[in-house]
PDB file of N, CA and C in Angstrom:
ATOM      1  N   UNK A   1      72.056 -86.885-108.646  1.00  0.00           N
ATOM      2  CA  UNK A   1      72.297 -88.074-110.013  1.00  0.00           C
ATOM      3  C   UNK A   1      73.960 -88.648-109.132  1.00  0.00           C
ATOM      4  N   UNK A   2      74.554 -87.498-109.077  1.00  0.00           N
ATOM      5  CA  UNK A   2      76.427 -87.692-108.931  1.00  0.00           C
ATOM      6  C   UNK A   2      76.678 -87.664-107.364  1.00  0.00           C
ATOM      7  N   UNK A   3      75.675 -87.615-106.037  1.00  0.00           N
ATOM      8  CA  UNK A   3      76.229 -87.778-104.970  1.00  0.00           C
ATOM      9  C   UNK A   3      75.157 -89.082-104.605  1.00  0.00           C
ATOM     10  N   UNK A   4      74.745 -89.994-105.158  1.00  0.00           N
ATOM     11  CA  UNK A   4      73.673 -91.076-104.235  1.00  0.00           C
ATOM     12  C   UNK A   4      74.700 -92.040-103.487  1.00  0.00           C
ATOM     13  N   UNK A   5      74.059 -92.343-102.509  1.00  0.00           N
ATOM     14  CA  UNK A   5      74.498 -93.658-101.638  1.00  0.00           C
ATOM     15  C   UNK A   5      74.205 -94.608-102.339  1.00  0.00           C
ATOM     16  N   UNK A   6      75.319 -95.697-101.322  1.00  0.00           N
ATOM     17  CA  UNK A   6      75.315 -96.940-101.912  1.00  0.00           C
ATOM     18  C   UNK A   6      73.393 -97.298-101.738  1.00  0.00           C
ATOM     19  N   UNK A   7      73.042 -97.302-101.083  1.00  0.00           N
ATOM     20  CA  UNK A   7      71.560 -97.798-100.944  1.00  0.00           C
ATOM     21  C   UNK A   7      70.559 -97.181-101.939  1.00  0.00           C
ATOM     22  N   UNK A   8      71.123 -95.689-102.396  1.00  0.00           N
ATOM     23  CA  UNK A   8      70.092 -95.015-103.437  1.00  0.00           C
ATOM     24  C   UNK A   8      70.490 -95.487-104.940  1.00  0.00           C
ATOM     25  N   UNK A   9      71.715 -95.856-104.863  1.00  0.00           N
ATOM     26  CA  UNK A   9      72.728 -96.655-106.373  1.00  0.00           C
ATOM     27  C   UNK A   9      71.592 -97.344-106.159  1.00  0.00           C
ATOM     28  N   UNK A  10      71.794 -98.584-105.689  1.00  0.00           N
ATOM     29  CA  UNK A  10      71.008 -99.776-105.638  1.00  0.00           C
ATOM     30  C   UNK A  10      69.589 -99.604-106.175  1.00  0.00           C
ATOM     31  N   UNK A  11      68.792 -98.994-105.721  1.00  0.00           N
ATOM     32  CA  UNK A  11      67.606 -98.272-105.462  1.00  0.00           C
ATOM     33  C   UNK A  11      67.203 -98.304-107.744  1.00  0.00           C
ATOM     34  N   UNK A  12      68.104 -96.521-108.161  1.00  0.00           N
ATOM     35  CA  UNK A  12      68.565 -96.870-108.888  1.00  0.00           C
ATOM     36  C   UNK A  12      68.812 -97.556-110.245  1.00  0.00           C
ATOM     37  N   UNK A  13      69.647 -98.597-109.772  1.00  0.00           N
ATOM     38  CA  UNK A  13      69.606 -99.633-110.711  1.00  0.00           C
ATOM     39  C   UNK A  13      68.695-100.539-111.043  1.00  0.00           C
ATOM     40  N   UNK A  14      67.880-100.497-109.670  1.00  0.00           N
ATOM     41  CA  UNK A  14      66.190-101.343-109.932  1.00  0.00           C
ATOM     42  C   UNK A  14      65.892-100.613-110.808  1.00  0.00           C
ATOM     43  N   UNK A  15      65.618 -99.311-110.849  1.00  0.00           N
ATOM     44  CA  UNK A  15      64.606 -98.569-111.551  1.00  0.00           C
ATOM     45  C   UNK A  15      65.158 -98.808-113.201  1.00  0.00           C
ATOM     46  N   UNK A  16      66.629 -98.737-113.271  1.00  0.00           N
ATOM     47  CA  UNK A  16      66.570 -98.615-114.401  1.00  0.00           C
ATOM     48  C   UNK A  16      66.360 -99.899-115.062  1.00  0.00           C
ATOM     49  N   UNK A  17      66.278-101.087-114.595  1.00  0.00           N
ATOM     50  CA  UNK A  17      65.274-102.867-114.603  1.00  0.00           C
ATOM     51  C   UNK A  17      64.836-102.514-114.743  1.00  0.00           C
ATOM     52  N   UNK A  18      63.433-101.714-114.105  1.00  0.00           N
ATOM     53  CA  UNK A  18      61.887-101.466-114.471  1.00  0.00           C
ATOM     54  C   UNK A  18      61.881-101.364-115.539  1.00  0.00           C
ATOM     55  N   UNK A  19      62.657 -99.702-116.010  1.00  0.00           N
ATOM     56  CA  UNK A  19      62.214 -99.330-116.982  1.00  0.00           C
ATOM     57  C   UNK A  19      62.317-100.011-118.708  1.00  0.00           C
ATOM     58  N   UNK A  20      63.531-101.112-118.279  1.00  0.00           N
ATOM     59  CA  UNK A  20      64.037-101.917-119.399  1.00  0.00           C
ATOM     60  C   UNK A  20      63.234-102.540-119.899  1.00  0.00           C
ATOM     61  N   UNK A  21      62.786-103.290-118.689  1.00  0.00           N
ATOM     62  CA  UNK A  21      61.257-104.283-118.869  1.00  0.00           C
ATOM     63  C   UNK A  21      60.340-103.589-119.886  1.00  0.00           C
ATOM     64  N   UNK A  22      60.429-102.424-118.753  1.00  0.00           N
ATOM     65  CA  UNK A  22      58.985-101.643-119.856  1.00  0.00           C
ATOM     66  C   UNK A  22      58.774-101.157-121.291  1.00  0.00           C
ATOM     67  N   UNK A  23      60.558-100.929-121.703  1.00  0.00           N
ATOM     68  CA  UNK A  23      61.157-100.894-123.002  1.00  0.00           C
ATOM     69  C   UNK A  23      60.839-102.305-123.884  1.00  0.00           C
ATOM     70  N   UNK A  24      61.096-103.000-123.407  1.00  0.00           N
ATOM     71  CA  UNK A  24      61.193-104.271-124.018  1.00  0.00           C
ATOM     72  C   UNK A  24      59.528-104.986-124.171  1.00  0.00           C
ATOM     73  N   UNK A  25      58.452-104.333-123.604  1.00  0.00           N
ATOM     74  CA  UNK A  25      57.373-104.814-123.552  1.00  0.00           C
ATOM     75  C   UNK A  25      56.801-103.460-124.578  1.00  0.00           C
ATOM     76  N   UNK A  26      57.331-103.189-124.803  1.00  0.00           N
ATOM     77  CA  UNK A  26      57.096-101.679-125.571  1.00  0.00           C
ATOM     78  C   UNK A  26      55.817-100.790-124.924  1.00  0.00           C
ATOM     79  N   UNK A  27      55.664-100.841-123.479  1.00  0.00           N
ATOM     80  CA  UNK A  27      54.796 -99.792-123.085  1.00  0.00           C
ATOM     81  C   UNK A  27      55.956 -98.884-122.630  1.00  0.00           C
ATOM     82  N   UNK A  28      56.925 -98.384-122.532  1.00  0.00           N
ATOM     83  CA  UNK A  28      57.916 -97.254-122.265  1.00  0.00           C
ATOM     84  C   UNK A  28      58.438 -97.121-123.980  1.00  0.00           C
ATOM     85  N   UNK A  29      58.688 -95.705-124.167  1.00  0.00           N
ATOM     86  CA  UNK A  29      58.769 -95.691-125.817  1.00  0.00           C
ATOM     87  C   UNK A  29      60.421 -95.378-125.979  1.00  0.00           C
ATOM     88  N   UNK A  30      60.895 -94.730-124.959  1.00  0.00           N
ATOM     89  CA  UNK A  30      61.726 -93.969-124.526  1.00  0.00           C
ATOM     90  C   UNK A  30      62.153 -93.237-122.967  1.00  0.00           C
ATOM     91  N   UNK A  31      63.428 -93.889-122.277  1.00  0.00           N
ATOM     92  CA  UNK A  31      63.565 -92.827-121.343  1.00  0.00           C
ATOM     93  C   UNK A  31      64.656 -92.990-121.002  1.00  0.00           C
ATOM     94  N   UNK A  32      65.345 -92.361-120.118  1.00  0.00           N
ATOM     95  CA  UNK A  32      66.392 -91.970-119.806  1.00  0.00           C
ATOM     96  C   UNK A  32      66.970 -90.719-118.681  1.00  0.00           C
ATOM     97  N   UNK A  33      68.168 -90.674-118.773  1.00  0.00           N
ATOM     98  CA  UNK A  33      68.654 -89.593-117.846  1.00  0.00           C
ATOM     99  C   UNK A  33      68.566 -87.776-118.307  1.00  0.00           C
ATOM    100  N   UNK A  34      67.986 -87.200-117.758  1.00  0.00           N
ATOM    101  CA  UNK A  34      68.548 -85.647-118.574  1.00  0.00           C
ATOM    102  C   UNK A  34      69.773 -84.853-117.609  1.00  0.00           C
ATOM    103  N   UNK A  35      70.976 -84.485-118.608  1.00  0.00           N
ATOM    104  CA  UNK A  35      71.638 -83.899-117.907  1.00  0.00           C
ATOM    105  C   UNK A  35      71.598 -82.380-117.768  1.00  0.00           C
ATOM    106  N   UNK A  36      70.617 -82.038-116.762  1.00  0.00           N
ATOM    107  CA  UNK A  36      70.499 -80.845-116.797  1.00  0.00           C
ATOM    108  C   UNK A  36      71.187 -79.819-116.084  1.00  0.00           C
ATOM    109  N   UNK A  37      72.451 -79.153-116.546  1.00  0.00           N
ATOM    110  CA  UNK A  37      73.033 -78.222-115.343  1.00  0.00           C
ATOM    111  C   UNK A  37      72.253 -77.424-114.533  1.00  0.00           C
ATOM    112  N   UNK A  38      70.989 -77.548-113.809  1.00  0.00           N
ATOM    113  CA  UNK A  38      70.171 -76.880-113.018  1.00  0.00           C
ATOM    114  C   UNK A  38      70.366 -78.402-111.921  1.00  0.00           C
ATOM    115  N   UNK A  39      70.735 -79.929-112.457  1.00  0.00           N
ATOM    116  CA  UNK A  39      70.010 -80.609-111.635  1.00  0.00           C
ATOM    117  C   UNK A  39      69.834 -81.483-112.455  1.00  0.00           C
ATOM    118  N   UNK A  40      70.046 -83.077-112.202  1.00  0.00           N
ATOM    119  CA  UNK A  40      69.616 -83.931-113.365  1.00  0.00           C
ATOM    120  C   UNK A  40      68.586 -84.306-112.779  1.00  0.00           C
ATOM    121  N   UNK A  41      67.467 -84.894-114.128  1.00  0.00           N
ATOM    122  CA  UNK A  41      66.059 -85.874-113.450  1.00  0.00           C
ATOM    123  C   UNK A  41      65.800 -86.595-114.975  1.00  0.00           C
ATOM    124  N   UNK A  42      64.814 -87.630-114.839  1.00  0.00           N
ATOM    125  CA  UNK A  42      64.360 -88.694-115.838  1.00  0.00           C
ATOM    126  C   UNK A  42      63.380 -88.049-116.489  1.00  0.00           C
ATOM    127  N   UNK A  43      63.423 -88.243-117.792  1.00  0.00           N
ATOM    128  CA  UNK A  43      62.409 -88.525-118.191  1.00  0.00           C
ATOM    129  C   UNK A  43      62.091 -89.704-119.208  1.00  0.00           C
ATOM    130  N   UNK A  44      60.568 -89.992-119.372  1.00  0.00           N
ATOM    131  CA  UNK A  44      60.098 -91.265-119.947  1.00  0.00           C
ATOM    132  C   UNK A  44      58.950 -91.054-120.942  1.00  0.00           C
ATOM    133  N   UNK A  45      58.755 -91.651-122.240  1.00  0.00           N
ATOM    134  CA  UNK A  45      57.528 -91.822-123.020  1.00  0.00           C
ATOM    135  C   UNK A  45      57.270 -92.870-122.759  1.00  0.00           C
ATOM    136  N   UNK A  46      55.863 -93.208-122.564  1.00  0.00           N
ATOM    137  CA  UNK A  46      55.155 -94.354-122.825  1.00  0.00           C
ATOM    138  C   UNK A  46      54.056 -94.453-123.302  1.00  0.00           C
ATOM    139  N   UNK A  47      53.726 -95.452-123.161  1.00  0.00           N
ATOM    140  CA  UNK A  47      52.399 -95.835-123.981  1.00  0.00           C
ATOM    141  C   UNK A  47      51.496 -96.426-123.448  1.00  0.00           C
ATOM    142  N   UNK A  48      50.282 -95.583-122.899  1.00  0.00           N
ATOM    143  CA  UNK A  48      49.369 -96.430-121.669  1.00  0.00           C
ATOM    144  C   UNK A  48      47.986 -95.950-122.553  1.00  0.00           C
ATOM    145  N   UNK A  49      46.836 -97.406-121.885  1.00  0.00           N
ATOM    146  CA  UNK A  49      45.152 -96.576-122.274  1.00  0.00           C
ATOM    147  C   UNK A  49      44.881 -95.939-121.220  1.00  0.00           C
ATOM    148  N   UNK A  50      45.095 -95.343-120.264  1.00  0.00           N
ATOM    149  CA  UNK A  50      45.068 -94.718-119.402  1.00  0.00           C
ATOM    150  C   UNK A  50      45.828 -94.163-118.394  1.00  0.00           C
ATOM    151  N   UNK A  51      44.945 -93.214-117.436  1.00  0.00           N
ATOM    152  CA  UNK A  51      45.799 -92.222-116.499  1.00  0.00           C
ATOM    153  C   UNK A  51      46.213 -93.344-115.599  1.00  0.00           C
ATOM    154  N   UNK A  52      44.874 -94.673-115.379  1.00  0.00           N
ATOM    155  CA  UNK A  52      45.214 -95.553-113.781  1.00  0.00           C
ATOM    156  C   UNK A  52      46.299 -95.851-114.487  1.00  0.00           C
ATOM    157  N   UNK A  53      46.623 -96.576-115.540  1.00  0.00           N
ATOM    158  CA  UNK A  53      47.689 -97.213-115.496  1.00  0.00           C
ATOM    159  C   UNK A  53      49.006 -96.667-115.479  1.00  0.00           C
ATOM    160  N   UNK A  54      49.080 -95.971-115.823  1.00  0.00           N
ATOM    161  CA  UNK A  54      50.306 -95.221-115.458  1.00  0.00           C
ATOM    162  C   UNK A  54      50.281 -94.110-114.163  1.00  0.00           C
ATOM    163  N   UNK A  55      49.421 -94.643-113.214  1.00  0.00           N
ATOM    164  CA  UNK A  55      49.411 -94.162-111.913  1.00  0.00           C
ATOM    165  C   UNK A  55      50.432 -95.428-111.499  1.00  0.00           C
ATOM    166  N   UNK A  56      49.363 -96.527-111.975  1.00  0.00           N
ATOM    167  CA  UNK A  56      50.547 -98.024-111.428  1.00  0.00           C
ATOM    168  C   UNK A  56      51.516 -98.192-111.890  1.00  0.00           C
ATOM    169  N   UNK A  57      52.004 -98.302-113.138  1.00  0.00           N
ATOM    170  CA  UNK A  57      53.477 -97.831-113.647  1.00  0.00           C
ATOM    171  C   UNK A  57      54.107 -97.175-112.277  1.00  0.00           C
ATOM    172  N   UNK A  58      53.857 -96.236-111.905  1.00  0.00           N
ATOM    173  CA  UNK A  58      54.921 -95.403-111.201  1.00  0.00           C
ATOM    174  C   UNK A  58      54.701 -96.361-109.452  1.00  0.00           C
ATOM    175  N   UNK A  59      53.292 -96.413-109.603  1.00  0.00           N
ATOM    176  CA  UNK A  59      53.367 -97.084-108.032  1.00  0.00           C
ATOM    177  C   UNK A  59      54.340 -98.208-108.143  1.00  0.00           C
ATOM    178  N   UNK A  60      54.112 -98.912-108.670  1.00  0.00           N
ATOM    179  CA  UNK A  60      55.434 -99.863-108.706  1.00  0.00           C
ATOM    180  C   UNK A  60      56.831 -99.867-109.394  1.00  0.00           C
ATOM    181  N   UNK A  61      57.252 -98.653-109.112  1.00  0.00           N
ATOM    182  CA  UNK A  61      58.301 -98.226-109.450  1.00  0.00           C
ATOM    183  C   UNK A  61      59.937 -98.673-108.371  1.00  0.00           C
ATOM    184  N   UNK A  62      60.591 -98.847-108.223  1.00  0.00           N
ATOM    185  CA  UNK A  62      61.202 -99.486-107.358  1.00  0.00           C
ATOM    186  C   UNK A  62      62.171 -97.615-106.688  1.00  0.00           C
ATOM    187  N   UNK A  63      61.820 -97.168-107.854  1.00  0.00           N
ATOM    188  CA  UNK A  63      62.262 -95.656-106.844  1.00  0.00           C
ATOM    189  C   UNK A  63      61.847 -94.583-106.875  1.00  0.00           C
ATOM    190  N   UNK A  64      60.181 -95.363-106.630  1.00  0.00           N
ATOM    191  CA  UNK A  64      58.584 -94.752-106.158  1.00  0.00           C
ATOM    192  C   UNK A  64      59.325 -94.131-104.940  1.00  0.00           C
ATOM    193  N   UNK A  65      59.158 -92.885-104.291  1.00  0.00           N
ATOM    194  CA  UNK A  65      59.342 -92.369-102.807  1.00  0.00           C
ATOM    195  C   UNK A  65      60.988 -92.063-102.915  1.00  0.00           C
ATOM    196  N   UNK A  66      61.610 -92.197-104.047  1.00  0.00           N
ATOM    197  CA  UNK A  66      62.893 -91.401-103.877  1.00  0.00           C
ATOM    198  C   UNK A  66      62.932 -90.585-105.087  1.00  0.00           C
ATOM    199  N   UNK A  67      62.417 -90.977-106.205  1.00  0.00           N
ATOM    200  CA  UNK A  67      62.332 -90.006-107.022  1.00  0.00           C
ATOM    201  C   UNK A  67      60.577 -89.363-107.505  1.00  0.00           C
ATOM    202  N   UNK A  68      60.571 -88.047-107.509  1.00  0.00           N
ATOM    203  CA  UNK A  68      59.373 -87.420-107.623  1.00  0.00           C
ATOM    204  C   UNK A  68      58.641 -87.631-109.262  1.00  0.00           C
ATOM    205  N   UNK A  69      57.482 -87.467-109.503  1.00  0.00           N
ATOM    206  CA  UNK A  69      56.652 -88.227-110.989  1.00  0.00           C
ATOM    207  C   UNK A  69      55.835 -86.755-111.052  1.00  0.00           C
ATOM    208  N   UNK A  70      55.875 -86.398-112.229  1.00  0.00           N
ATOM    209  CA  UNK A  70      55.365 -85.354-112.957  1.00  0.00           C
ATOM    210  C   UNK A  70      54.609 -86.347-114.255  1.00  0.00           C
ATOM    211  N   UNK A  71      53.443 -85.881-114.859  1.00  0.00           N
ATOM    212  CA  UNK A  71      52.854 -86.596-115.976  1.00  0.00           C
ATOM    213  C   UNK A  71      52.289 -85.579-116.924  1.00  0.00           C
ATOM    214  N   UNK A  72      52.467 -85.913-117.850  1.00  0.00           N
ATOM    215  CA  UNK A  72      51.507 -84.911-118.764  1.00  0.00           C
ATOM    216  C   UNK A  72      51.137 -85.799-119.986  1.00  0.00           C
ATOM    217  N   UNK A  73      49.674 -85.698-120.247  1.00  0.00           N
ATOM    218  CA  UNK A  73      49.233 -85.981-121.764  1.00  0.00           C
ATOM    219  C   UNK A  73      49.910 -85.398-123.002  1.00  0.00           C
ATOM    220  N   UNK A  74      49.989 -86.559-123.867  1.00  0.00           N
ATOM    221  CA  UNK A  74      50.583 -85.856-125.020  1.00  0.00           C
ATOM    222  C   UNK A  74      49.924 -86.643-126.310  1.00  0.00           C
ATOM    223  N   UNK A  75      49.341 -85.691-127.187  1.00  0.00           N
ATOM    224  CA  UNK A  75      48.923 -86.436-128.686  1.00  0.00           C
ATOM    225  C   UNK A  75      49.922 -86.749-129.660  1.00  0.00           C
ATOM    226  N   UNK A  76      50.727 -88.112-129.790  1.00  0.00           N
ATOM    227  CA  UNK A  76      51.283 -88.462-130.623  1.00  0.00           C
ATOM    228  C   UNK A  76      50.793 -87.971-132.087  1.00  0.00           C
ATOM    229  N   UNK A  77      51.575 -87.357-132.922  1.00  0.00           N
ATOM    230  CA  UNK A  77      50.858 -87.372-134.408  1.00  0.00           C
ATOM    231  C   UNK A  77      51.531 -87.473-135.162  1.00  0.00           C
ATOM    232  N   UNK A  78      52.942 -88.514-134.803  1.00  0.00           N
ATOM    233  CA  UNK A  78      53.426 -89.981-135.340  1.00  0.00           C
ATOM    234  C   UNK A  78      53.680 -91.102-134.435  1.00  0.00           C
ATOM    235  N   UNK A  79      53.651 -91.769-135.123  1.00  0.00           N
ATOM    236  CA  UNK A  79      54.310 -93.159-133.694  1.00  0.00           C
ATOM    237  C   UNK A  79      54.845 -93.602-135.055  1.00  0.00           C
ATOM    238  N   UNK A  80      55.758 -94.861-134.500  1.00  0.00           N
ATOM    239  CA  UNK A  80      56.981 -95.446-135.216  1.00  0.00           C
ATOM    240  C   UNK A  80      56.023 -96.366-136.291  1.00  0.00           C
ATOM    241  N   UNK A  81      55.170 -96.729-136.447  1.00  0.00           N
ATOM    242  CA  UNK A  81      54.255 -97.727-137.032  1.00  0.00           C
ATOM    243  C   UNK A  81      54.209 -96.568-137.969  1.00  0.00           C
ATOM    244  N   UNK A  82      53.422 -95.875-138.236  1.00  0.00           N
ATOM    245  CA  UNK A  82      53.196 -94.899-139.017  1.00  0.00           C
ATOM    246  C   UNK A  82      54.255 -94.136-140.007  1.00  0.00           C
ATOM    247  N   UNK A  83      55.412 -94.404-139.656  1.00  0.00           N
ATOM    248  CA  UNK A  83      56.233 -93.710-140.620  1.00  0.00           C
ATOM    249  C   UNK A  83      57.475 -94.466-141.422  1.00  0.00           C
ATOM    250  N   UNK A  84      56.925 -96.084-141.819  1.00  0.00           N
ATOM    251  CA  UNK A  84      57.591 -97.154-141.958  1.00  0.00           C
ATOM    252  C   UNK A  84      57.078 -97.428-143.290  1.00  0.00           C
TER     253      UNK A  84
END
């Protein structure tokens, strides 16, 4: 995160714009960098209907190839709409 080349920085700016759009469309619930002392990485929580949809989101991410992705299913106990 701290030693990106100019090309990597441009890719990451496109990555942030891509995820910002997913947030506006309520596909992404939250996303952002994690400043782990062992090395930074990002985390995103998304709401999708299938694993295939998530794979499509990852495939279309401008940083795919620069970033590595792992994903795990999560059962939401409470969603924003449930607590209001």
